[in-house]
Structures are given as structure tokens and as C-alpha cells.
Amino acid sequence: MLIGEYQHTIDEKGRLTVPAKLRDALGDRFILTKGLDGCLFGYPVEEWKQLEAKLRELPLTKADVRAFVRLLLAGASECELDRQGRFVLPNNLRAHADIDKDVIITGVSTRIEIWSRQRWEEYRDKAEKNFEGVAEGIEGLGF
């Protein structure tokens, strides 16, 4: 399971270290793509295959579905960890998430999220203010 919040820095070669606690579940190879809310999503290969299968079942006759699938898949990149647990963060994904140097990596069950530190702090602060309201809103979803 992928859980936790970790602060890291991108090195001068554009590499990011995946926290040791996340490496086993994420794997040596994983798929990184544009995420929602201004972050990046990273999926273990098997989890990505399941997501891809679900995407193939969506109706291509709907414009919003086509747009979502295009952006998710076109932005995807296969990443591989080196011996130190680092990978090169692709420039197009860095630009999407407005990542310069300081990042936050979060484990979110079946994926990791990579955030610019500033975006993460803004998002987290806003979400925490309404945490109880969000919890009430998901009550009917079987939680």
C-alpha cells in the first residue's frame, strides 16, 4: 500500500528520489502521468494496466471522455528507478505540475502523487479547513 507524505528535492540533473517506504509497492518501473488538482499521478505497472482497461471501456462518443483519455495517456511516461531509487522527472510533467525544485510525494493507496511543495501546501491547507465537511459529504458513498 502506498501511504504517507514525504518532502524531496529535484537534483541538478532533474532526478527525483522516491522515498524508500514507497519503492517496494511502486516497483522499479512505474507510469507517471498528469494528475488532477495540479499534481502528477504515479502508478505501479499492474495498477496502470487495470486503469488502462477501464479507460478502454469508456464511450468514445463523448467529447469529455475523449479529452480525459487523451490527456491522461498522452501525458504518460514510463519511469525507471536507478540503484539509488531516483528517476528523471520528464519536463512536460514538471511543467504540468509547476515543479521547480521542492516537491511533496504522497502515497494515496494505489498510486503516488507528486506535487510542487507550494501547490501541495495550498491544497492541503484548503482541504484541511473543510475536512469534516468532506467527510460528511462522502457518508453516502459507503464510507
C-alpha atoms as a PDB file:
ATOM      1  CA  MET A   1       0.000   0.000   0.000  1.00  0.00           C
ATOM      2  CA  LEU A   2       1.209   3.493  -0.843  1.00  0.00           C
ATOM      3  CA  ILE A   3       0.741   5.906   2.072  1.00  0.00           C
ATOM      4  CA  GLY A   4       2.467   8.875   3.664  1.00  0.00           C
ATOM      5  CA  GLU A   5       3.765  12.357   2.870  1.00  0.00           C
ATOM      6  CA  TYR A   6       7.413  12.968   2.008  1.00  0.00           C
ATOM      7  CA  GLN A   7       9.444  16.082   1.182  1.00  0.00           C
ATOM      8  CA  HIS A   8      12.126  15.793  -1.502  1.00  0.00           C
ATOM      9  CA  THR A   9      14.160  17.957  -3.841  1.00  0.00           C
ATOM     10  CA  ILE A  10      14.861  17.551  -7.537  1.00  0.00           C
ATOM     11  CA  ASP A  11      18.602  17.412  -8.191  1.00  0.00           C
ATOM     12  CA  GLU A  12      20.536  19.368 -10.829  1.00  0.00           C
ATOM     13  CA  LYS A  13      20.024  16.557 -13.370  1.00  0.00           C
ATOM     14  CA  GLY A  14      16.238  16.621 -12.977  1.00  0.00           C
ATOM     15  CA  ARG A  15      16.105  13.454 -10.882  1.00  0.00           C
ATOM     16  CA  LEU A  16      13.728  12.801  -8.032  1.00  0.00           C
ATOM     17  CA  THR A  17      14.242  10.195  -5.328  1.00  0.00           C
ATOM     18  CA  VAL A  18      11.264   8.006  -4.474  1.00  0.00           C
ATOM     19  CA  PRO A  19      11.057   7.503  -0.702  1.00  0.00           C
ATOM     20  CA  ALA A  20      12.315   4.086   0.360  1.00  0.00           C
ATOM     21  CA  LYS A  21       8.990   3.319   2.069  1.00  0.00           C
ATOM     22  CA  LEU A  22       7.169   3.649  -1.274  1.00  0.00           C
ATOM     23  CA  ARG A  23       9.634   1.835  -3.560  1.00  0.00           C
ATOM     24  CA  ASP A  24       8.527  -1.748  -2.958  1.00  0.00           C
ATOM     25  CA  ALA A  25       4.859  -1.050  -3.655  1.00  0.00           C
ATOM     26  CA  LEU A  26       5.601   1.271  -6.593  1.00  0.00           C
ATOM     27  CA  GLY A  27       8.171  -1.008  -8.216  1.00  0.00           C
ATOM     28  CA  ASP A  28      11.349  -0.328 -10.199  1.00  0.00           C
ATOM     29  CA  ARG A  29       9.271   0.687 -13.216  1.00  0.00           C
ATOM     30  CA  PHE A  30       6.091   2.739 -12.976  1.00  0.00           C
ATOM     31  CA  ILE A  31       3.885   5.017 -15.060  1.00  0.00           C
ATOM     32  CA  LEU A  32       3.811   8.734 -14.344  1.00  0.00           C
ATOM     33  CA  THR A  33       1.147  10.970 -15.867  1.00  0.00           C
ATOM     34  CA  LYS A  34      -0.727  14.222 -15.474  1.00  0.00           C
ATOM     35  CA  GLY A  35      -2.924  14.099 -12.422  1.00  0.00           C
ATOM     36  CA  LEU A  36      -5.820  16.123 -11.155  1.00  0.00           C
ATOM     37  CA  ASP A  37      -5.665  19.216  -8.943  1.00  0.00           C
ATOM     38  CA  GLY A  38      -2.294  20.232 -10.402  1.00  0.00           C
ATOM     39  CA  CYS A  39      -0.236  17.216  -9.383  1.00  0.00           C
ATOM     40  CA  LEU A  40       1.198  14.116 -11.067  1.00  0.00           C
ATOM     41  CA  PHE A  41      -0.066  10.557 -10.630  1.00  0.00           C
ATOM     42  CA  GLY A  42       2.368   7.631 -10.466  1.00  0.00           C
ATOM     43  CA  TYR A  43       1.037   4.086 -10.829  1.00  0.00           C
ATOM     44  CA  PRO A  44       2.674   0.704 -10.367  1.00  0.00           C
ATOM     45  CA  VAL A  45       2.642  -1.041 -13.753  1.00  0.00           C
ATOM     46  CA  GLU A  46      -0.062  -3.556 -12.758  1.00  0.00           C
ATOM     47  CA  GLU A  47      -2.297  -0.811 -11.375  1.00  0.00           C
ATOM     48  CA  TRP A  48      -1.784   1.191 -14.598  1.00  0.00           C
ATOM     49  CA  LYS A  49      -2.866  -1.825 -16.677  1.00  0.00           C
ATOM     50  CA  GLN A  50      -6.110  -2.012 -14.692  1.00  0.00           C
ATOM     51  CA  LEU A  51      -6.727   1.716 -15.152  1.00  0.00           C
ATOM     52  CA  GLU A  52      -5.998   1.455 -18.866  1.00  0.00           C
ATOM     53  CA  ALA A  53      -8.520  -1.384 -19.201  1.00  0.00           C
ATOM     54  CA  LYS A  54     -11.187   0.780 -17.544  1.00  0.00           C
ATOM     55  CA  LEU A  55     -10.364   3.660 -19.883  1.00  0.00           C
ATOM     56  CA  ARG A  56     -10.895   1.398 -22.912  1.00  0.00           C
ATOM     57  CA  GLU A  57     -14.444   0.705 -21.702  1.00  0.00           C
ATOM     58  CA  LEU A  58     -15.442   4.378 -21.662  1.00  0.00           C
ATOM     59  CA  PRO A  59     -17.663   5.636 -24.503  1.00  0.00           C
ATOM     60  CA  LEU A  60     -15.524   7.369 -27.143  1.00  0.00           C
ATOM     61  CA  THR A  61     -18.613   9.118 -28.487  1.00  0.00           C
ATOM     62  CA  LYS A  62     -18.458  11.592 -25.567  1.00  0.00           C
ATOM     63  CA  ALA A  63     -16.119  14.535 -26.091  1.00  0.00           C
ATOM     64  CA  ASP A  64     -15.215  14.874 -22.407  1.00  0.00           C
ATOM     65  CA  VAL A  65     -14.241  11.200 -22.246  1.00  0.00           C
ATOM     66  CA  ARG A  66     -12.026  11.543 -25.330  1.00  0.00           C
ATOM     67  CA  ALA A  67     -10.364  14.639 -23.864  1.00  0.00           C
ATOM     68  CA  PHE A  68      -9.718  12.991 -20.495  1.00  0.00           C
ATOM     69  CA  VAL A  69      -8.314   9.800 -22.036  1.00  0.00           C
ATOM     70  CA  ARG A  70      -6.130  11.759 -24.460  1.00  0.00           C
ATOM     71  CA  LEU A  71      -4.640  13.979 -21.795  1.00  0.00           C
ATOM     72  CA  LEU A  72      -4.073  11.136 -19.352  1.00  0.00           C
ATOM     73  CA  LEU A  73      -2.444   8.813 -21.890  1.00  0.00           C
ATOM     74  CA  ALA A  74      -0.580  11.395 -23.968  1.00  0.00           C
ATOM     75  CA  GLY A  75       0.966  12.803 -20.806  1.00  0.00           C
ATOM     76  CA  ALA A  76       2.055   9.397 -19.520  1.00  0.00           C
ATOM     77  CA  SER A  77       5.673   8.348 -19.293  1.00  0.00           C
ATOM     78  CA  GLU A  78       7.255   5.094 -18.183  1.00  0.00           C
ATOM     79  CA  CYS A  79       9.825   5.784 -15.475  1.00  0.00           C
ATOM     80  CA  GLU A  80      12.529   3.537 -14.113  1.00  0.00           C
ATOM     81  CA  LEU A  81      14.330   3.842 -10.796  1.00  0.00           C
ATOM     82  CA  ASP A  82      18.115   3.710 -10.678  1.00  0.00           C
ATOM     83  CA  ARG A  83      20.046   1.948  -7.897  1.00  0.00           C
ATOM     84  CA  GLN A  84      19.580   4.934  -5.589  1.00  0.00           C
ATOM     85  CA  GLY A  85      15.815   4.993  -6.126  1.00  0.00           C
ATOM     86  CA  ARG A  86      15.889   8.046  -8.427  1.00  0.00           C
ATOM     87  CA  PHE A  87      14.231   8.729 -11.761  1.00  0.00           C
ATOM     88  CA  VAL A  88      14.273  11.598 -14.226  1.00  0.00           C
ATOM     89  CA  LEU A  89      11.104  13.662 -13.964  1.00  0.00           C
ATOM     90  CA  PRO A  90      10.051  14.423 -17.581  1.00  0.00           C
ATOM     91  CA  ASN A  91       9.953  18.127 -18.474  1.00  0.00           C
ATOM     92  CA  ASN A  92       6.359  18.054 -19.756  1.00  0.00           C
ATOM     93  CA  LEU A  93       5.170  16.639 -16.446  1.00  0.00           C
ATOM     94  CA  ARG A  94       7.274  19.065 -14.426  1.00  0.00           C
ATOM     95  CA  ALA A  95       5.624  21.907 -16.346  1.00  0.00           C
ATOM     96  CA  HIS A  96       2.117  20.480 -15.817  1.00  0.00           C
ATOM     97  CA  ALA A  97       2.611  20.333 -12.040  1.00  0.00           C
ATOM     98  CA  ASP A  98       4.621  23.578 -11.858  1.00  0.00           C
ATOM     99  CA  ILE A  99       7.503  21.687 -10.251  1.00  0.00           C
ATOM    100  CA  ASP A 100      10.791  23.502  -9.941  1.00  0.00           C
ATOM    101  CA  LYS A 101      12.841  22.095  -7.078  1.00  0.00           C
ATOM    102  CA  ASP A 102      10.956  21.284  -3.866  1.00  0.00           C
ATOM    103  CA  VAL A 103       8.347  18.541  -4.106  1.00  0.00           C
ATOM    104  CA  ILE A 104       5.976  16.605  -1.914  1.00  0.00           C
ATOM    105  CA  ILE A 105       5.351  12.951  -2.694  1.00  0.00           C
ATOM    106  CA  THR A 106       2.216  11.449  -1.198  1.00  0.00           C
ATOM    107  CA  GLY A 107       1.096   7.844  -1.122  1.00  0.00           C
ATOM    108  CA  VAL A 108      -2.595   7.571  -1.977  1.00  0.00           C
ATOM    109  CA  SER A 109      -3.394   3.854  -1.678  1.00  0.00           C
ATOM    110  CA  THR A 110      -2.858   2.603  -5.252  1.00  0.00           C
ATOM    111  CA  ARG A 111      -0.773   5.496  -6.586  1.00  0.00           C
ATOM    112  CA  ILE A 112       1.658   8.197  -5.611  1.00  0.00           C
ATOM    113  CA  GLU A 113       1.078  11.873  -6.200  1.00  0.00           C
ATOM    114  CA  ILE A 114       3.892  14.305  -6.873  1.00  0.00           C
ATOM    115  CA  TRP A 115       3.203  17.950  -6.052  1.00  0.00           C
ATOM    116  CA  SER A 116       5.180  21.142  -6.129  1.00  0.00           C
ATOM    117  CA  ARG A 117       5.661  21.989  -2.483  1.00  0.00           C
ATOM    118  CA  GLN A 118       3.778  25.278  -2.847  1.00  0.00           C
ATOM    119  CA  ARG A 119       0.764  23.708  -4.585  1.00  0.00           C
ATOM    120  CA  TRP A 120       0.615  20.904  -2.028  1.00  0.00           C
ATOM    121  CA  GLU A 121       0.660  23.312   0.909  1.00  0.00           C
ATOM    122  CA  GLU A 122      -2.093  25.427  -0.652  1.00  0.00           C
ATOM    123  CA  TYR A 123      -4.205  22.373  -1.464  1.00  0.00           C
ATOM    124  CA  ARG A 124      -3.661  20.724   1.932  1.00  0.00           C
ATOM    125  CA  ASP A 125      -4.435  23.911   3.868  1.00  0.00           C
ATOM    126  CA  LYS A 126      -7.686  24.434   1.961  1.00  0.00           C
ATOM    127  CA  ALA A 127      -8.734  20.771   2.251  1.00  0.00           C
ATOM    128  CA  GLU A 128      -7.945  20.588   5.962  1.00  0.00           C
ATOM    129  CA  LYS A 129     -10.215  23.551   6.681  1.00  0.00           C
ATOM    130  CA  ASN A 130     -13.147  21.587   5.282  1.00  0.00           C
ATOM    131  CA  PHE A 131     -12.087  18.054   6.330  1.00  0.00           C
ATOM    132  CA  GLU A 132     -15.180  17.375   8.421  1.00  0.00           C
ATOM    133  CA  GLY A 133     -17.472  18.751   5.722  1.00  0.00           C
ATOM    134  CA  VAL A 134     -15.843  16.492   3.153  1.00  0.00           C
ATOM    135  CA  ALA A 135     -16.261  13.525   5.486  1.00  0.00           C
ATOM    136  CA  GLU A 136     -19.970  14.291   5.823  1.00  0.00           C
ATOM    137  CA  GLY A 137     -20.273  14.589   2.039  1.00  0.00           C
ATOM    138  CA  ILE A 138     -18.882  11.115   1.393  1.00  0.00           C
ATOM    139  CA  GLU A 139     -21.058   9.446   4.015  1.00  0.00           C
ATOM    140  CA  GLY A 140     -23.498   8.109   1.420  1.00  0.00           C
ATOM    141  CA  LEU A 141     -20.712   6.557  -0.663  1.00  0.00           C
ATOM    142  CA  GLY A 142     -20.322   3.557   1.627  1.00  0.00           C
ATOM    143  CA  PHE A 143     -17.594   5.007   3.815  1.00  0.00           C
END
